[in-house]
Amino acid sequence: MISRAWAAGLLSLMLCGCASEWQASRTILPASGVPATTRPADSVGVLARLAVLGVEMNVRATDEQKADPYWLPRIDGARQALQANLVAYLVREKGYEVRAVDRMLPGDEADIRALAAELDVDGLVRVERYIVPPWSTAQAIGNIALVNIPLVRALNAVNLRISIVEGRSGQVVWVREMQGEDSELDRRVDLGAALRNLDNAIPPQLRR
């Protein structure tokens, strides 16, 4: 019989999944609209002033978790911790000027541009995190019966998506997705892995 511990171990393997990244292949401009001569035209680093929006927590909870009076506070705590850690990482490791705001990304490009102008930033950072319940023993057995098809889907499921939106256009210019189902709400997100390839911000002395 497959134990619950074995199923949990299988989930741990999922967390070692891959990642995908996308970046716009066009000129990216800060709020000033003046291109930087010190970087390639498509460098996200020209968006040196960023606002990190409220983290969107997409949590699929079990009945037991829903009944736990501490479950919702844990979700809120994870949301706040991820936002704070992301702000600190972007400032410390990537050199951006960053502020955290308790706002969500509007759905309309005109509203996105208006929000960026209101906050006086070059770009907005959207963060989406996805949490699912851990695999049960029955799911682990079912995965074997289905020739690992559920496992493949789990490995390709997004657990974290970070998007950078250009304030002037309201369009996404950079996206990083970390893949592999995650069931650990309190797990500290590895921002080094998620943001390693993000351009460093242009230093203030090199901006026009």
Protein backbone atom coordinates (compact mmCIF):
# COMPACT_ATOMS: atom_id res chain seq x y z
CA MET A 1 0.00 0.00 0.00
CA ILE A 2 1.31 3.47 -0.85
CA SER A 3 1.57 5.56 2.31
CA ARG A 4 0.65 9.20 2.77
CA ALA A 5 4.33 9.88 3.48
CA TRP A 6 5.19 8.46 0.04
CA ALA A 7 2.60 10.77 -1.51
CA ALA A 8 4.13 13.71 0.33
CA GLY A 9 7.55 12.72 -0.96
CA LEU A 10 6.19 12.63 -4.48
CA LEU A 11 4.92 16.17 -4.00
CA SER A 12 8.37 17.30 -2.88
CA LEU A 13 9.77 16.05 -6.17
CA MET A 14 7.18 18.17 -7.99
CA LEU A 15 8.56 21.29 -6.35
CA CYS A 16 11.81 20.77 -8.24
CA GLY A 17 9.97 21.53 -11.47
CA CYS A 18 11.10 23.84 -14.20
CA ALA A 19 10.43 27.49 -14.96
CA SER A 20 9.59 29.59 -17.98
CA GLU A 21 10.36 33.20 -18.80
CA TRP A 22 9.13 35.67 -21.40
CA GLN A 23 10.28 39.20 -22.23
CA ALA A 24 8.96 41.72 -24.72
CA SER A 25 11.17 42.20 -27.81
CA ARG A 26 10.54 45.91 -28.27
CA THR A 27 11.66 49.21 -26.81
CA ILE A 28 10.71 49.50 -23.14
CA LEU A 29 10.37 53.01 -21.78
CA PRO A 30 10.25 54.52 -18.28
CA ALA A 31 7.57 57.05 -17.34
CA SER A 32 9.77 59.85 -18.70
CA GLY A 33 9.63 58.30 -22.16
CA VAL A 34 13.35 58.92 -22.65
CA PRO A 35 15.25 55.81 -23.79
CA ALA A 36 18.41 54.90 -21.92
CA THR A 37 21.57 54.88 -24.01
CA THR A 38 23.34 52.65 -21.48
CA ARG A 39 21.14 49.60 -22.03
CA PRO A 40 19.58 47.63 -24.89
CA ALA A 41 16.22 49.04 -25.94
CA ASP A 42 14.34 46.04 -24.54
CA SER A 43 15.96 46.11 -21.10
CA VAL A 44 13.44 45.88 -18.27
CA GLY A 45 16.01 47.66 -16.12
CA VAL A 46 14.90 51.02 -17.53
CA LEU A 47 11.74 50.63 -15.44
CA ALA A 48 13.78 51.51 -12.37
CA ARG A 49 10.87 52.71 -10.22
CA LEU A 50 8.43 49.90 -9.46
CA ALA A 51 5.35 49.34 -7.35
CA VAL A 52 4.75 45.80 -6.11
CA LEU A 53 1.01 45.23 -6.02
CA GLY A 54 -0.82 43.08 -3.49
CA VAL A 55 -0.03 39.38 -3.94
CA GLU A 56 -2.89 37.39 -5.49
CA MET A 57 -3.18 34.17 -3.48
CA ASN A 58 -5.02 31.44 -5.37
CA VAL A 59 -5.52 28.77 -2.73
CA ARG A 60 -7.43 25.51 -3.19
CA ALA A 61 -8.07 24.41 0.38
CA THR A 62 -9.20 21.12 1.87
CA ASP A 63 -12.29 20.96 4.08
CA GLU A 64 -10.00 20.56 7.08
CA GLN A 65 -8.10 23.72 6.19
CA LYS A 66 -11.31 25.68 5.62
CA ALA A 67 -12.49 24.67 9.09
CA ASP A 68 -9.27 25.89 10.71
CA PRO A 69 -9.83 29.38 12.21
CA TYR A 70 -6.18 30.20 11.55
CA TRP A 71 -6.30 29.30 7.86
CA LEU A 72 -7.37 32.69 6.49
CA PRO A 73 -4.88 34.59 8.70
CA ARG A 74 -2.16 32.24 7.44
CA ILE A 75 -3.08 33.06 3.85
CA ASP A 76 -2.95 36.77 4.63
CA GLY A 77 0.37 36.36 6.41
CA ALA A 78 1.85 34.49 3.44
CA ARG A 79 0.61 37.23 1.12
CA GLN A 80 2.19 40.01 3.16
CA ALA A 81 5.45 38.12 3.66
CA LEU A 82 5.86 37.43 -0.06
CA GLN A 83 5.19 41.06 -0.98
CA ALA A 84 7.68 42.33 1.62
CA ASN A 85 10.35 39.80 0.60
CA LEU A 86 9.91 40.69 -3.07
CA VAL A 87 10.30 44.41 -2.37
CA ALA A 88 13.44 43.74 -0.34
CA TYR A 89 14.93 41.49 -3.03
CA LEU A 90 14.31 43.93 -5.88
CA VAL A 91 15.92 46.73 -3.89
CA ARG A 92 18.85 44.79 -2.43
CA GLU A 93 19.74 42.44 -5.26
CA LYS A 94 18.50 44.24 -8.38
CA GLY A 95 18.84 47.93 -7.50
CA TYR A 96 15.24 49.00 -8.17
CA GLU A 97 13.40 51.76 -6.33
CA VAL A 98 10.39 49.86 -5.06
CA ARG A 99 7.31 50.53 -3.00
CA ALA A 100 4.63 48.09 -1.84
CA VAL A 101 1.03 49.12 -2.44
CA ASP A 102 -2.22 47.50 -1.39
CA ARG A 103 -3.73 47.58 -4.87
CA MET A 104 -4.51 45.00 -7.54
CA LEU A 105 -3.70 45.22 -11.24
CA PRO A 106 -6.61 46.71 -13.21
CA GLY A 107 -7.91 44.74 -16.17
CA ASP A 108 -7.87 47.63 -18.63
CA GLU A 109 -4.66 49.10 -20.08
CA ALA A 110 -5.94 52.66 -19.67
CA ASP A 111 -6.60 52.00 -15.98
CA ILE A 112 -3.14 50.44 -15.62
CA ARG A 113 -1.56 53.54 -17.10
CA ALA A 114 -3.61 55.72 -14.77
CA LEU A 115 -2.54 53.68 -11.74
CA ALA A 116 1.14 53.87 -12.69
CA ALA A 117 0.82 57.64 -13.14
CA GLU A 118 -0.97 57.97 -9.80
CA LEU A 119 1.79 56.03 -8.04
CA ASP A 120 4.50 57.86 -10.03
CA VAL A 121 6.30 54.66 -11.06
CA ASP A 122 7.74 53.27 -14.28
CA GLY A 123 6.18 49.86 -13.86
CA LEU A 124 3.90 47.64 -11.81
CA VAL A 125 4.75 44.19 -10.47
CA ARG A 126 1.98 41.62 -10.33
CA VAL A 127 2.48 38.48 -8.23
CA GLU A 128 0.27 35.39 -8.42
CA ARG A 129 0.83 32.40 -6.16
CA TYR A 130 -1.01 29.08 -6.48
CA ILE A 131 -1.41 26.62 -3.59
CA VAL A 132 -3.10 23.20 -3.89
CA PRO A 133 -3.76 20.47 -1.31
CA PRO A 134 -1.06 17.79 -0.99
CA TRP A 135 -1.60 14.57 -2.89
CA SER A 136 -3.55 11.90 -1.05
CA THR A 137 -2.67 8.23 -1.14
CA ALA A 138 -5.57 7.66 -3.53
CA GLN A 139 -4.22 10.30 -5.90
CA ALA A 140 -0.77 8.74 -5.83
CA ILE A 141 -2.23 5.32 -6.67
CA GLY A 142 -4.39 6.87 -9.38
CA ASN A 143 -1.32 8.52 -10.89
CA ILE A 144 0.31 5.11 -11.34
CA ALA A 145 -2.85 3.72 -12.90
CA LEU A 146 -2.94 6.66 -15.33
CA VAL A 147 0.71 6.18 -16.38
CA ASN A 148 1.95 9.36 -14.64
CA ILE A 149 -0.31 11.70 -16.61
CA PRO A 150 -1.47 13.50 -13.41
CA LEU A 151 2.16 13.83 -12.31
CA VAL A 152 3.16 15.42 -15.62
CA ARG A 153 0.31 17.90 -15.28
CA ALA A 154 1.35 18.67 -11.71
CA LEU A 155 4.95 19.27 -12.76
CA ASN A 156 3.79 21.76 -15.40
CA ALA A 157 1.31 23.57 -13.15
CA VAL A 158 2.31 27.14 -12.26
CA ASN A 159 2.94 27.77 -8.55
CA LEU A 160 4.26 31.33 -8.91
CA ARG A 161 3.95 33.95 -11.63
CA ILE A 162 5.67 37.35 -11.45
CA SER A 163 4.80 39.86 -14.17
CA ILE A 164 6.20 43.33 -14.78
CA VAL A 165 3.88 45.77 -16.51
CA GLU A 166 5.19 48.87 -18.29
CA GLY A 167 3.41 51.90 -16.87
CA ARG A 168 3.43 53.97 -20.07
CA SER A 169 1.70 51.33 -22.20
CA GLY A 170 -0.11 49.26 -19.60
CA GLN A 171 1.34 46.13 -21.22
CA VAL A 172 3.22 43.19 -19.73
CA VAL A 173 6.90 43.27 -20.70
CA TRP A 174 8.35 40.48 -18.54
CA VAL A 175 6.94 37.28 -17.03
CA ARG A 176 8.56 34.53 -14.99
CA GLU A 177 6.66 31.39 -14.06
CA MET A 178 7.84 28.79 -11.56
CA GLN A 179 6.31 25.38 -12.20
CA GLY A 180 5.47 22.38 -10.05
CA GLU A 181 2.47 22.11 -7.74
CA ASP A 182 3.04 23.63 -4.29
CA SER A 183 1.02 22.69 -1.22
CA GLU A 184 3.13 24.47 1.41
CA LEU A 185 1.45 27.79 2.16
CA ASP A 186 4.20 28.85 4.57
CA ARG A 187 7.06 27.89 2.28
CA ARG A 188 9.45 30.81 1.67
CA VAL A 189 9.50 31.51 -2.06
CA ASP A 190 12.94 31.28 -3.66
CA LEU A 191 13.03 34.75 -5.22
CA GLY A 192 16.64 34.25 -6.24
CA ALA A 193 15.56 31.47 -8.59
CA ALA A 194 12.52 33.39 -9.78
CA LEU A 195 14.29 36.70 -10.49
CA ARG A 196 17.84 35.64 -11.27
CA ASN A 197 17.55 36.59 -14.96
CA LEU A 198 15.74 39.88 -14.42
CA ASP A 199 17.85 42.86 -15.58
CA ASN A 200 19.33 45.02 -12.85
CA ALA A 201 17.83 48.48 -12.65
CA ILE A 202 19.66 51.36 -14.30
CA PRO A 203 21.40 53.33 -11.50
CA PRO A 204 20.01 56.82 -10.78
CA GLN A 205 23.20 58.53 -12.05
CA LEU A 206 22.76 56.92 -15.50
CA ARG A 207 19.11 57.90 -15.94
CA ARG A 208 18.15 60.93 -17.97
